[in-house]
């Protein structure tokens, strides 16, 4: 869908905010990448470790808050 010429230069408030934030803090994106790598970018777990984790897990009951009586 093609917008008319009058809307081609429109910038939302969110886009303006993000652009001004990038200008104020030039290293922001790099710090975001570093933070992401700390939490999400991890080495794959070896198969032996995966097997050990699977064997050591305890099966959870269907309804957690009900005691077995």
PDB file of N, CA and C in Angstrom:
ATOM      1  N   UNK A   1       0.843  -1.166   0.000  1.00  0.00           N
ATOM      2  CA  UNK A   1       0.000   0.000   0.000  1.00  0.00           C
ATOM      3  C   UNK A   1       0.893   1.235   0.000  1.00  0.00           C
ATOM      4  N   UNK A   2       0.655   2.102  -0.919  1.00  0.00           N
ATOM      5  CA  UNK A   2       1.476   3.299  -1.046  1.00  0.00           C
ATOM      6  C   UNK A   2       0.744   4.483  -0.423  1.00  0.00           C
ATOM      7  N   UNK A   3       1.440   5.176   0.466  1.00  0.00           N
ATOM      8  CA  UNK A   3       0.866   6.358   1.090  1.00  0.00           C
ATOM      9  C   UNK A   3       1.067   7.566   0.188  1.00  0.00           C
ATOM     10  N   UNK A   4       0.257   8.542   0.395  1.00  0.00           N
ATOM     11  CA  UNK A   4       0.409   9.758  -0.398  1.00  0.00           C
ATOM     12  C   UNK A   4       1.652  10.514   0.046  1.00  0.00           C
ATOM     13  N   UNK A   5       2.030  11.513  -0.718  1.00  0.00           N
ATOM     14  CA  UNK A   5       3.264  12.255  -0.479  1.00  0.00           C
ATOM     15  C   UNK A   5       3.272  12.956   0.880  1.00  0.00           C
ATOM     16  N   UNK A   6       2.109  13.387   1.359  1.00  0.00           N
ATOM     17  CA  UNK A   6       2.086  14.132   2.611  1.00  0.00           C
ATOM     18  C   UNK A   6       2.443  13.268   3.807  1.00  0.00           C
ATOM     19  N   UNK A   7       2.297  11.938   3.722  1.00  0.00           N
ATOM     20  CA  UNK A   7       2.617  11.057   4.830  1.00  0.00           C
ATOM     21  C   UNK A   7       3.997  10.423   4.712  1.00  0.00           C
ATOM     22  N   UNK A   8       4.710  10.672   3.653  1.00  0.00           N
ATOM     23  CA  UNK A   8       5.998  10.011   3.456  1.00  0.00           C
ATOM     24  C   UNK A   8       7.066  10.495   4.432  1.00  0.00           C
ATOM     25  N   UNK A   9       6.932  11.682   4.986  1.00  0.00           N
ATOM     26  CA  UNK A   9       7.926  12.204   5.917  1.00  0.00           C
ATOM     27  C   UNK A   9       7.483  12.081   7.381  1.00  0.00           C
ATOM     28  N   UNK A  10       6.424  11.335   7.637  1.00  0.00           N
ATOM     29  CA  UNK A  10       5.902  11.198   8.996  1.00  0.00           C
ATOM     30  C   UNK A  10       6.852  10.378   9.852  1.00  0.00           C
ATOM     31  N   UNK A  11       7.106  10.843  11.079  1.00  0.00           N
ATOM     32  CA  UNK A  11       7.864  10.105  12.076  1.00  0.00           C
ATOM     33  C   UNK A  11       7.052  10.067  13.352  1.00  0.00           C
ATOM     34  N   UNK A  12       6.862   8.881  13.892  1.00  0.00           N
ATOM     35  CA  UNK A  12       6.087   8.768  15.126  1.00  0.00           C
ATOM     36  C   UNK A  12       6.904   9.301  16.297  1.00  0.00           C
ATOM     37  N   UNK A  13       6.226   9.525  17.404  1.00  0.00           N
ATOM     38  CA  UNK A  13       6.908   9.998  18.608  1.00  0.00           C
ATOM     39  C   UNK A  13       7.927   8.977  19.096  1.00  0.00           C
ATOM     40  N   UNK A  14       7.600   7.708  18.950  1.00  0.00           N
ATOM     41  CA  UNK A  14       8.515   6.650  19.375  1.00  0.00           C
ATOM     42  C   UNK A  14       9.801   6.663  18.544  1.00  0.00           C
ATOM     43  N   UNK A  15       9.656   6.823  17.246  1.00  0.00           N
ATOM     44  CA  UNK A  15      10.818   6.873  16.371  1.00  0.00           C
ATOM     45  C   UNK A  15      11.686   8.081  16.699  1.00  0.00           C
ATOM     46  N   UNK A  16      11.073   9.217  16.951  1.00  0.00           N
ATOM     47  CA  UNK A  16      11.822  10.413  17.333  1.00  0.00           C
ATOM     48  C   UNK A  16      12.564  10.197  18.638  1.00  0.00           C
ATOM     49  N   UNK A  17      11.902   9.548  19.603  1.00  0.00           N
ATOM     50  CA  UNK A  17      12.545   9.280  20.886  1.00  0.00           C
ATOM     51  C   UNK A  17      13.751   8.372  20.721  1.00  0.00           C
ATOM     52  N   UNK A  18      13.589   7.285  19.961  1.00  0.00           N
ATOM     53  CA  UNK A  18      14.694   6.341  19.752  1.00  0.00           C
ATOM     54  C   UNK A  18      15.857   7.025  19.039  1.00  0.00           C
ATOM     55  N   UNK A  19      15.567   7.816  18.029  1.00  0.00           N
ATOM     56  CA  UNK A  19      16.630   8.524  17.303  1.00  0.00           C
ATOM     57  C   UNK A  19      17.365   9.517  18.203  1.00  0.00           C
ATOM     58  N   UNK A  20      16.632  10.240  19.047  1.00  0.00           N
ATOM     59  CA  UNK A  20      17.291  11.189  19.952  1.00  0.00           C
ATOM     60  C   UNK A  20      18.107  10.443  21.003  1.00  0.00           C
ATOM     61  N   UNK A  21      17.617   9.300  21.465  1.00  0.00           N
ATOM     62  CA  UNK A  21      18.358   8.500  22.440  1.00  0.00           C
ATOM     63  C   UNK A  21      19.661   7.986  21.840  1.00  0.00           C
ATOM     64  N   UNK A  22      19.606   7.556  20.583  1.00  0.00           N
ATOM     65  CA  UNK A  22      20.823   7.088  19.906  1.00  0.00           C
ATOM     66  C   UNK A  22      21.846   8.212  19.738  1.00  0.00           C
ATOM     67  N   UNK A  23      21.367   9.427  19.508  1.00  0.00           N
ATOM     68  CA  UNK A  23      22.285  10.558  19.374  1.00  0.00           C
ATOM     69  C   UNK A  23      22.897  10.932  20.717  1.00  0.00           C
ATOM     70  N   UNK A  24      22.118  10.862  21.788  1.00  0.00           N
ATOM     71  CA  UNK A  24      22.607  11.230  23.110  1.00  0.00           C
ATOM     72  C   UNK A  24      23.579  10.191  23.665  1.00  0.00           C
ATOM     73  N   UNK A  25      23.319   8.919  23.381  1.00  0.00           N
ATOM     74  CA  UNK A  25      24.140   7.825  23.908  1.00  0.00           C
ATOM     75  C   UNK A  25      24.627   6.966  22.753  1.00  0.00           C
ATOM     76  N   UNK A  26      25.741   7.320  22.141  1.00  0.00           N
ATOM     77  CA  UNK A  26      26.198   6.597  20.948  1.00  0.00           C
ATOM     78  C   UNK A  26      26.558   5.128  21.199  1.00  0.00           C
ATOM     79  N   UNK A  27      26.991   4.758  22.387  1.00  0.00           N
ATOM     80  CA  UNK A  27      27.389   3.378  22.648  1.00  0.00           C
ATOM     81  C   UNK A  27      26.268   2.500  23.161  1.00  0.00           C
ATOM     82  N   UNK A  28      25.048   2.964  23.092  1.00  0.00           N
ATOM     83  CA  UNK A  28      23.912   2.245  23.659  1.00  0.00           C
ATOM     84  C   UNK A  28      23.691   0.891  22.994  1.00  0.00           C
ATOM     85  N   UNK A  29      23.728   0.838  21.691  1.00  0.00           N
ATOM     86  CA  UNK A  29      23.472  -0.421  20.989  1.00  0.00           C
ATOM     87  C   UNK A  29      24.541  -1.464  21.304  1.00  0.00           C
ATOM     88  N   UNK A  30      25.781  -1.041  21.410  1.00  0.00           N
ATOM     89  CA  UNK A  30      26.859  -1.978  21.748  1.00  0.00           C
ATOM     90  C   UNK A  30      26.671  -2.533  23.156  1.00  0.00           C
ATOM     91  N   UNK A  31      26.265  -1.674  24.095  1.00  0.00           N
ATOM     92  CA  UNK A  31      26.012  -2.140  25.466  1.00  0.00           C
ATOM     93  C   UNK A  31      24.818  -3.094  25.500  1.00  0.00           C
ATOM     94  N   UNK A  32      23.826  -2.848  24.660  1.00  0.00           N
ATOM     95  CA  UNK A  32      22.688  -3.765  24.579  1.00  0.00           C
ATOM     96  C   UNK A  32      23.133  -5.134  24.062  1.00  0.00           C
ATOM     97  N   UNK A  33      24.000  -5.139  23.064  1.00  0.00           N
ATOM     98  CA  UNK A  33      24.509  -6.412  22.538  1.00  0.00           C
ATOM     99  C   UNK A  33      25.310  -7.156  23.602  1.00  0.00           C
ATOM    100  N   UNK A  34      26.115  -6.441  24.381  1.00  0.00           N
ATOM    101  CA  UNK A  34      26.905  -7.074  25.434  1.00  0.00           C
ATOM    102  C   UNK A  34      25.993  -7.667  26.505  1.00  0.00           C
ATOM    103  N   UNK A  35      24.949  -6.924  26.880  1.00  0.00           N
ATOM    104  CA  UNK A  35      24.005  -7.438  27.866  1.00  0.00           C
ATOM    105  C   UNK A  35      23.266  -8.659  27.365  1.00  0.00           C
ATOM    106  N   UNK A  36      22.900  -8.641  26.100  1.00  0.00           N
ATOM    107  CA  UNK A  36      22.211  -9.796  25.524  1.00  0.00           C
ATOM    108  C   UNK A  36      23.134 -11.012  25.515  1.00  0.00           C
ATOM    109  N   UNK A  37      24.398 -10.802  25.211  1.00  0.00           N
ATOM    110  CA  UNK A  37      25.316 -11.935  25.157  1.00  0.00           C
ATOM    111  C   UNK A  37      25.515 -12.549  26.535  1.00  0.00           C
ATOM    112  N   UNK A  38      25.409 -11.750  27.597  1.00  0.00           N
ATOM    113  CA  UNK A  38      25.531 -12.297  28.948  1.00  0.00           C
ATOM    114  C   UNK A  38      24.391 -13.247  29.277  1.00  0.00           C
ATOM    115  N   UNK A  39      23.184 -12.909  28.835  1.00  0.00           N
ATOM    116  CA  UNK A  39      22.014 -13.686  29.227  1.00  0.00           C
ATOM    117  C   UNK A  39      21.614 -14.749  28.218  1.00  0.00           C
ATOM    118  N   UNK A  40      21.757 -14.490  26.926  1.00  0.00           N
ATOM    119  CA  UNK A  40      21.154 -15.358  25.928  1.00  0.00           C
ATOM    120  C   UNK A  40      22.141 -16.106  25.051  1.00  0.00           C
ATOM    121  N   UNK A  41      23.237 -15.490  24.697  1.00  0.00           N
ATOM    122  CA  UNK A  41      24.179 -16.131  23.765  1.00  0.00           C
ATOM    123  C   UNK A  41      25.121 -17.034  24.542  1.00  0.00           C
ATOM    124  N   UNK A  42      24.734 -18.275  24.694  1.00  0.00           N
ATOM    125  CA  UNK A  42      25.535 -19.225  25.460  1.00  0.00           C
ATOM    126  C   UNK A  42      25.965 -20.376  24.555  1.00  0.00           C
ATOM    127  N   UNK A  43      27.025 -21.015  24.970  1.00  0.00           N
ATOM    128  CA  UNK A  43      27.521 -22.175  24.229  1.00  0.00           C
ATOM    129  C   UNK A  43      26.505 -23.314  24.347  1.00  0.00           C
ATOM    130  N   UNK A  44      26.375 -24.140  23.317  1.00  0.00           N
ATOM    131  CA  UNK A  44      25.457 -25.276  23.424  1.00  0.00           C
ATOM    132  C   UNK A  44      25.938 -26.269  24.489  1.00  0.00           C
ATOM    133  N   UNK A  45      24.989 -26.893  25.180  1.00  0.00           N
ATOM    134  CA  UNK A  45      25.317 -27.857  26.225  1.00  0.00           C
ATOM    135  C   UNK A  45      25.695 -29.183  25.586  1.00  0.00           C
ATOM    136  N   UNK A  46      26.794 -29.792  26.038  1.00  0.00           N
ATOM    137  CA  UNK A  46      27.181 -31.099  25.471  1.00  0.00           C
ATOM    138  C   UNK A  46      26.114 -32.160  25.755  1.00  0.00           C
ATOM    139  N   UNK A  47      26.071 -33.193  24.910  1.00  0.00           N
ATOM    140  CA  UNK A  47      25.059 -34.236  25.058  1.00  0.00           C
ATOM    141  C   UNK A  47      25.151 -34.944  26.406  1.00  0.00           C
ATOM    142  N   UNK A  48      26.357 -35.188  26.894  1.00  0.00           N
ATOM    143  CA  UNK A  48      26.499 -35.861  28.192  1.00  0.00           C
ATOM    144  C   UNK A  48      25.894 -35.011  29.309  1.00  0.00           C
ATOM    145  N   UNK A  49      26.082 -33.724  29.230  1.00  0.00           N
ATOM    146  CA  UNK A  49      25.516 -32.815  30.227  1.00  0.00           C
ATOM    147  C   UNK A  49      23.991 -32.781  30.107  1.00  0.00           C
ATOM    148  N   UNK A  50      23.469 -32.795  28.890  1.00  0.00           N
ATOM    149  CA  UNK A  50      22.020 -32.817  28.692  1.00  0.00           C
ATOM    150  C   UNK A  50      21.402 -34.086  29.273  1.00  0.00           C
ATOM    151  N   UNK A  51      22.076 -35.209  29.080  1.00  0.00           N
ATOM    152  CA  UNK A  51      21.583 -36.480  29.626  1.00  0.00           C
ATOM    153  C   UNK A  51      21.591 -36.451  31.146  1.00  0.00           C
ATOM    154  N   UNK A  52      22.628 -35.885  31.750  1.00  0.00           N
ATOM    155  CA  UNK A  52      22.731 -35.797  33.203  1.00  0.00           C
ATOM    156  C   UNK A  52      21.613 -34.917  33.761  1.00  0.00           C
ATOM    157  N   UNK A  53      21.350 -33.789  33.099  1.00  0.00           N
ATOM    158  CA  UNK A  53      20.301 -32.885  33.546  1.00  0.00           C
ATOM    159  C   UNK A  53      18.938 -33.563  33.439  1.00  0.00           C
ATOM    160  N   UNK A  54      18.701 -34.274  32.345  1.00  0.00           N
ATOM    161  CA  UNK A  54      17.421 -34.946  32.144  1.00  0.00           C
ATOM    162  C   UNK A  54      17.215 -36.044  33.177  1.00  0.00           C
ATOM    163  N   UNK A  55      18.288 -36.771  33.507  1.00  0.00           N
ATOM    164  CA  UNK A  55      18.181 -37.863  34.481  1.00  0.00           C
ATOM    165  C   UNK A  55      17.979 -37.322  35.895  1.00  0.00           C
ATOM    166  N   UNK A  56      18.456 -36.140  36.186  1.00  0.00           N
ATOM    167  CA  UNK A  56      18.379 -35.625  37.556  1.00  0.00           C
ATOM    168  C   UNK A  56      17.132 -34.796  37.829  1.00  0.00           C
ATOM    169  N   UNK A  57      16.294 -34.565  36.820  1.00  0.00           N
ATOM    170  CA  UNK A  57      15.084 -33.782  37.049  1.00  0.00           C
ATOM    171  C   UNK A  57      14.003 -34.650  37.693  1.00  0.00           C
ATOM    172  N   UNK A  58      13.230 -34.029  38.556  1.00  0.00           N
ATOM    173  CA  UNK A  58      12.138 -34.716  39.227  1.00  0.00           C
ATOM    174  C   UNK A  58      10.844 -34.326  38.535  1.00  0.00           C
ATOM    175  N   UNK A  59      10.032 -35.319  38.222  1.00  0.00           N
ATOM    176  CA  UNK A  59       8.774 -35.035  37.532  1.00  0.00           C
ATOM    177  C   UNK A  59       7.832 -34.292  38.463  1.00  0.00           C
ATOM    178  N   UNK A  60       7.230 -33.245  37.937  1.00  0.00           N
ATOM    179  CA  UNK A  60       6.314 -32.424  38.712  1.00  0.00           C
ATOM    180  C   UNK A  60       4.910 -32.990  38.601  1.00  0.00           C
ATOM    181  N   UNK A  61       4.179 -32.960  39.719  1.00  0.00           N
ATOM    182  CA  UNK A  61       2.801 -33.449  39.678  1.00  0.00           C
ATOM    183  C   UNK A  61       1.918 -32.504  38.875  1.00  0.00           C
ATOM    184  N   UNK A  62       0.763 -33.001  38.455  1.00  0.00           N
ATOM    185  CA  UNK A  62      -0.097 -32.255  37.559  1.00  0.00           C
ATOM    186  C   UNK A  62      -0.568 -30.925  38.179  1.00  0.00           C
ATOM    187  N   UNK A  63      -1.025 -30.974  39.401  1.00  0.00           N
ATOM    188  CA  UNK A  63      -1.471 -29.770  40.064  1.00  0.00           C
ATOM    189  C   UNK A  63      -0.519 -29.527  41.226  1.00  0.00           C
ATOM    190  N   UNK A  64       0.287 -28.491  41.108  1.00  0.00           N
ATOM    191  CA  UNK A  64       1.418 -28.263  42.010  1.00  0.00           C
ATOM    192  C   UNK A  64       0.976 -28.029  43.451  1.00  0.00           C
ATOM    193  N   UNK A  65      -0.150 -27.364  43.659  1.00  0.00           N
ATOM    194  CA  UNK A  65      -0.537 -26.948  45.001  1.00  0.00           C
ATOM    195  C   UNK A  65      -1.345 -27.998  45.756  1.00  0.00           C
ATOM    196  N   UNK A  66      -1.588 -29.140  45.145  1.00  0.00           N
ATOM    197  CA  UNK A  66      -2.344 -30.189  45.812  1.00  0.00           C
ATOM    198  C   UNK A  66      -1.365 -31.171  46.436  1.00  0.00           C
ATOM    199  N   UNK A  67      -1.576 -31.445  47.737  1.00  0.00           N
ATOM    200  CA  UNK A  67      -0.731 -32.413  48.417  1.00  0.00           C
ATOM    201  C   UNK A  67      -1.240 -33.821  48.133  1.00  0.00           C
ATOM    202  N   UNK A  68      -0.300 -34.756  48.087  1.00  0.00           N
ATOM    203  CA  UNK A  68      -0.690 -36.167  47.908  1.00  0.00           C
ATOM    204  C   UNK A  68      -1.105 -36.686  49.268  1.00  0.00           C
ATOM    205  N   UNK A  69      -2.341 -37.048  49.385  1.00  0.00           N
ATOM    206  CA  UNK A  69      -2.854 -37.544  50.663  1.00  0.00           C
ATOM    207  C   UNK A  69      -3.236 -38.989  50.540  1.00  0.00           C
TER     208      UNK A  69
END
